[in-house]
N, C-alpha and C. Protein backbone atom coordinates (compact mmCIF):
# COMPACT_ATOMS: atom_id res chain seq x y z
N MET A 1 -20.52 -10.74 -13.18
CA MET A 1 -20.94 -10.53 -11.81
C MET A 1 -19.74 -10.35 -10.88
N ASP A 2 -18.66 -11.10 -11.14
CA ASP A 2 -17.46 -10.95 -10.31
C ASP A 2 -16.88 -9.55 -10.40
N THR A 3 -16.95 -8.94 -11.58
CA THR A 3 -16.43 -7.59 -11.76
C THR A 3 -17.18 -6.60 -10.90
N LEU A 4 -18.50 -6.72 -10.85
CA LEU A 4 -19.32 -5.83 -10.02
C LEU A 4 -19.00 -6.06 -8.54
N SER A 5 -18.88 -7.29 -8.15
CA SER A 5 -18.55 -7.63 -6.76
C SER A 5 -17.18 -7.06 -6.37
N ASP A 6 -16.20 -7.21 -7.25
CA ASP A 6 -14.86 -6.67 -6.98
C ASP A 6 -14.90 -5.16 -6.88
N HIS A 7 -15.68 -4.51 -7.74
CA HIS A 7 -15.79 -3.05 -7.71
C HIS A 7 -16.42 -2.58 -6.39
N ILE A 8 -17.45 -3.27 -5.96
CA ILE A 8 -18.10 -2.91 -4.70
C ILE A 8 -17.13 -3.08 -3.54
N LYS A 9 -16.39 -4.18 -3.52
CA LYS A 9 -15.42 -4.41 -2.44
C LYS A 9 -14.34 -3.33 -2.44
N GLN A 10 -13.87 -2.93 -3.61
CA GLN A 10 -12.85 -1.89 -3.69
C GLN A 10 -13.42 -0.55 -3.22
N THR A 11 -14.65 -0.27 -3.57
CA THR A 11 -15.29 0.97 -3.13
C THR A 11 -15.43 1.00 -1.62
N VAL A 12 -15.78 -0.11 -1.03
CA VAL A 12 -15.88 -0.21 0.44
C VAL A 12 -14.52 0.04 1.07
N ARG A 13 -13.44 -0.50 0.48
CA ARG A 13 -12.09 -0.26 1.01
C ARG A 13 -11.72 1.21 0.92
N LYS A 14 -12.13 1.88 -0.15
CA LYS A 14 -11.86 3.32 -0.29
C LYS A 14 -12.60 4.11 0.78
N ILE A 15 -13.84 3.76 1.02
CA ILE A 15 -14.62 4.45 2.07
C ILE A 15 -14.01 4.20 3.43
N ASP A 16 -13.66 2.96 3.73
CA ASP A 16 -13.02 2.62 5.01
C ASP A 16 -11.71 3.39 5.19
N ALA A 17 -10.92 3.48 4.14
CA ALA A 17 -9.65 4.21 4.21
C ALA A 17 -9.91 5.67 4.55
N PHE A 18 -10.88 6.26 3.89
CA PHE A 18 -11.23 7.66 4.15
C PHE A 18 -11.67 7.85 5.60
N LEU A 19 -12.55 6.98 6.08
CA LEU A 19 -13.07 7.10 7.44
C LEU A 19 -11.99 6.91 8.50
N ASP A 20 -10.98 6.11 8.19
CA ASP A 20 -9.88 5.85 9.13
C ASP A 20 -8.67 6.75 8.89
N ASN A 21 -8.84 7.79 8.06
CA ASN A 21 -7.78 8.76 7.75
C ASN A 21 -6.57 8.16 7.04
N TYR A 22 -6.79 7.14 6.23
CA TYR A 22 -5.74 6.56 5.41
C TYR A 22 -5.79 7.16 4.01
N THR A 23 -4.66 7.17 3.34
CA THR A 23 -4.58 7.53 1.93
C THR A 23 -4.34 6.23 1.17
N LEU A 24 -5.12 6.00 0.14
CA LEU A 24 -5.11 4.74 -0.58
C LEU A 24 -4.43 4.91 -1.93
N GLY A 25 -3.64 3.91 -2.34
CA GLY A 25 -2.98 3.95 -3.63
C GLY A 25 -2.23 2.66 -3.92
N THR A 26 -1.25 2.78 -4.81
CA THR A 26 -0.44 1.64 -5.22
C THR A 26 0.99 1.85 -4.73
N LEU A 27 1.57 0.81 -4.17
CA LEU A 27 2.93 0.88 -3.65
C LEU A 27 3.93 0.79 -4.80
N ILE A 28 4.79 1.79 -4.90
CA ILE A 28 5.82 1.86 -5.94
C ILE A 28 7.19 1.85 -5.26
N ILE A 29 8.11 1.06 -5.77
CA ILE A 29 9.47 1.01 -5.22
C ILE A 29 10.44 1.24 -6.37
N GLU A 30 11.23 2.32 -6.24
CA GLU A 30 12.21 2.67 -7.27
C GLU A 30 13.49 3.16 -6.61
N ASN A 31 14.61 2.64 -7.07
CA ASN A 31 15.92 3.10 -6.60
C ASN A 31 16.04 3.09 -5.08
N GLY A 32 15.55 2.05 -4.45
CA GLY A 32 15.67 1.91 -3.00
C GLY A 32 14.77 2.81 -2.20
N GLN A 33 13.78 3.43 -2.83
CA GLN A 33 12.84 4.34 -2.16
C GLN A 33 11.41 3.86 -2.45
N ALA A 34 10.53 4.01 -1.46
CA ALA A 34 9.13 3.60 -1.63
C ALA A 34 8.23 4.82 -1.72
N PHE A 35 7.18 4.68 -2.55
CA PHE A 35 6.20 5.74 -2.76
C PHE A 35 4.81 5.13 -2.78
N LEU A 36 3.83 5.95 -2.43
CA LEU A 36 2.45 5.60 -2.67
C LEU A 36 2.00 6.40 -3.87
N GLU A 37 1.54 5.71 -4.92
CA GLU A 37 1.03 6.40 -6.09
C GLU A 37 -0.48 6.51 -5.98
N LEU A 38 -0.98 7.74 -6.01
CA LEU A 38 -2.41 8.00 -5.93
C LEU A 38 -3.06 7.78 -7.28
N GLU A 39 -4.38 7.67 -7.32
CA GLU A 39 -5.11 7.48 -8.58
C GLU A 39 -4.82 8.59 -9.59
N ILE A 40 -4.54 9.79 -9.10
CA ILE A 40 -4.28 10.93 -9.99
C ILE A 40 -2.83 10.97 -10.48
N GLY A 41 -2.01 9.98 -10.07
CA GLY A 41 -0.63 9.90 -10.52
C GLY A 41 0.37 10.55 -9.59
N GLU A 42 -0.10 11.27 -8.58
CA GLU A 42 0.80 11.92 -7.62
C GLU A 42 1.50 10.86 -6.76
N LEU A 43 2.77 11.11 -6.44
CA LEU A 43 3.54 10.20 -5.60
C LEU A 43 3.77 10.81 -4.22
N ILE A 44 3.58 9.99 -3.19
CA ILE A 44 3.90 10.39 -1.82
C ILE A 44 5.11 9.57 -1.39
N GLU A 45 6.19 10.24 -1.04
CA GLU A 45 7.40 9.54 -0.62
C GLU A 45 7.19 8.98 0.79
N LEU A 46 7.47 7.69 0.95
CA LEU A 46 7.26 7.03 2.23
C LEU A 46 8.56 6.95 3.02
N ASN A 47 8.40 6.81 4.33
CA ASN A 47 9.52 6.61 5.25
C ASN A 47 8.97 6.00 6.53
N ASP A 48 9.78 5.95 7.57
CA ASP A 48 9.37 5.32 8.82
C ASP A 48 8.28 6.08 9.58
N SER A 49 7.92 7.26 9.13
CA SER A 49 6.90 8.04 9.83
C SER A 49 5.48 7.66 9.43
N PHE A 50 5.34 6.65 8.55
CA PHE A 50 4.02 6.23 8.08
C PHE A 50 3.66 4.84 8.61
N ILE A 51 2.38 4.65 8.88
CA ILE A 51 1.81 3.32 9.03
C ILE A 51 1.53 2.86 7.61
N ILE A 52 2.06 1.71 7.24
CA ILE A 52 1.91 1.19 5.88
C ILE A 52 1.17 -0.14 5.95
N GLN A 53 0.09 -0.24 5.19
CA GLN A 53 -0.67 -1.48 5.15
C GLN A 53 -0.88 -1.89 3.69
N VAL A 54 -0.62 -3.17 3.39
CA VAL A 54 -0.85 -3.69 2.05
C VAL A 54 -2.04 -4.64 2.09
N PHE A 55 -2.78 -4.66 0.99
CA PHE A 55 -3.96 -5.53 0.89
C PHE A 55 -3.52 -6.88 0.35
N ALA A 56 -3.69 -7.90 1.16
CA ALA A 56 -3.30 -9.26 0.76
C ALA A 56 -4.19 -10.26 1.49
N GLY A 57 -4.60 -11.29 0.81
CA GLY A 57 -5.42 -12.31 1.44
C GLY A 57 -6.78 -11.79 1.90
N GLY A 58 -7.30 -10.76 1.22
CA GLY A 58 -8.62 -10.24 1.54
C GLY A 58 -8.66 -9.26 2.70
N GLN A 59 -7.48 -8.87 3.20
CA GLN A 59 -7.45 -7.90 4.30
C GLN A 59 -6.15 -7.11 4.27
N TYR A 60 -6.13 -6.00 5.01
CA TYR A 60 -4.93 -5.19 5.10
C TYR A 60 -4.00 -5.75 6.16
N GLN A 61 -2.72 -5.79 5.82
CA GLN A 61 -1.69 -6.26 6.74
C GLN A 61 -0.67 -5.14 6.92
N THR A 62 -0.35 -4.83 8.17
CA THR A 62 0.61 -3.78 8.47
C THR A 62 2.02 -4.31 8.25
N ILE A 63 2.82 -3.53 7.54
CA ILE A 63 4.23 -3.86 7.33
C ILE A 63 5.07 -2.63 7.65
N THR A 64 6.32 -2.83 7.91
CA THR A 64 7.21 -1.72 8.21
C THR A 64 7.82 -1.18 6.91
N TYR A 65 8.35 0.02 7.01
CA TYR A 65 9.03 0.60 5.85
C TYR A 65 10.22 -0.29 5.46
N ASP A 66 10.93 -0.81 6.44
CA ASP A 66 12.06 -1.71 6.17
C ASP A 66 11.61 -2.94 5.39
N GLN A 67 10.45 -3.49 5.74
CA GLN A 67 9.92 -4.64 5.00
C GLN A 67 9.59 -4.27 3.56
N VAL A 68 9.03 -3.09 3.36
CA VAL A 68 8.70 -2.63 2.01
C VAL A 68 9.94 -2.63 1.13
N ILE A 69 11.03 -2.07 1.65
CA ILE A 69 12.25 -1.89 0.87
C ILE A 69 13.07 -3.18 0.75
N ASN A 70 13.03 -4.03 1.76
CA ASN A 70 13.97 -5.16 1.82
C ASN A 70 13.36 -6.55 1.66
N THR A 71 12.08 -6.65 1.31
CA THR A 71 11.47 -7.96 1.10
C THR A 71 11.31 -8.20 -0.40
N PHE A 72 11.90 -9.31 -0.85
CA PHE A 72 11.90 -9.63 -2.27
C PHE A 72 11.16 -10.94 -2.52
N CYS A 73 10.72 -11.16 -3.76
CA CYS A 73 10.06 -12.40 -4.15
C CYS A 73 11.05 -13.56 -4.06
N SER A 74 10.58 -14.68 -3.56
CA SER A 74 11.48 -15.84 -3.42
C SER A 74 11.89 -16.41 -4.78
N ASP A 75 11.01 -16.35 -5.76
CA ASP A 75 11.34 -16.91 -7.08
C ASP A 75 11.89 -15.87 -8.05
N ALA A 76 11.94 -14.61 -7.64
CA ALA A 76 12.51 -13.54 -8.46
C ALA A 76 13.22 -12.56 -7.52
N PRO A 77 14.44 -12.91 -7.10
CA PRO A 77 15.11 -12.16 -6.04
C PRO A 77 15.42 -10.69 -6.34
N ASP A 78 15.23 -10.25 -7.57
CA ASP A 78 15.44 -8.83 -7.89
C ASP A 78 14.15 -8.02 -7.82
N TRP A 79 13.01 -8.68 -7.56
CA TRP A 79 11.71 -8.02 -7.53
C TRP A 79 11.24 -7.83 -6.10
N HIS A 80 10.86 -6.61 -5.78
CA HIS A 80 10.32 -6.31 -4.46
C HIS A 80 8.95 -6.98 -4.32
N LEU A 81 8.74 -7.66 -3.21
CA LEU A 81 7.51 -8.42 -3.00
C LEU A 81 6.28 -7.53 -3.01
N TYR A 82 6.37 -6.35 -2.42
CA TYR A 82 5.19 -5.50 -2.26
C TYR A 82 4.98 -4.48 -3.38
N ALA A 83 5.89 -4.41 -4.33
CA ALA A 83 5.76 -3.45 -5.43
C ALA A 83 4.48 -3.72 -6.22
N GLY A 84 3.70 -2.68 -6.44
CA GLY A 84 2.46 -2.80 -7.19
C GLY A 84 1.26 -3.20 -6.36
N ALA A 85 1.45 -3.41 -5.07
CA ALA A 85 0.35 -3.83 -4.21
C ALA A 85 -0.57 -2.67 -3.88
N GLU A 86 -1.85 -2.99 -3.69
CA GLU A 86 -2.78 -1.99 -3.16
C GLU A 86 -2.31 -1.69 -1.74
N CYS A 87 -2.25 -0.42 -1.42
CA CYS A 87 -1.64 0.00 -0.16
C CYS A 87 -2.41 1.18 0.41
N ARG A 88 -2.42 1.29 1.72
CA ARG A 88 -2.94 2.48 2.37
C ARG A 88 -1.95 2.92 3.43
N ILE A 89 -1.88 4.24 3.61
CA ILE A 89 -0.90 4.80 4.54
C ILE A 89 -1.53 5.91 5.38
N LYS A 90 -0.96 6.15 6.51
CA LYS A 90 -1.24 7.36 7.29
C LYS A 90 -0.05 7.61 8.20
N ARG A 91 0.08 8.86 8.58
CA ARG A 91 1.18 9.25 9.47
C ARG A 91 0.98 8.64 10.84
N LYS A 92 2.09 8.20 11.44
CA LYS A 92 2.03 7.70 12.80
C LYS A 92 1.74 8.84 13.75
N ALA A 93 1.02 8.54 14.80
CA ALA A 93 0.73 9.56 15.82
C ALA A 93 2.01 9.92 16.54
N VAL A 94 2.20 11.20 16.78
CA VAL A 94 3.38 11.68 17.49
C VAL A 94 3.09 11.61 18.98
N ALA A 95 3.97 10.95 19.70
CA ALA A 95 3.75 10.78 21.15
C ALA A 95 4.18 11.99 21.94
């Protein structure tokens, strides 16, 4: 039953991302660069021009590109904290 519940919650997050013009995927960090990996395997290179949100604690939390690249696990200082996290992105509005 938990598997079905988790699948429904993930599907709702996908629909919400679509409705809010976000692209959903997995956060990948390699060689000091961050990417969003889509379900189809395509990578989107990230930078400061994106709003980046990671799913943690049952909700999306906005983080900066600098936080993505420079935040490491406290018990594994060589591991990026947000690597592998469910993530959604969209371009920042140009003023």
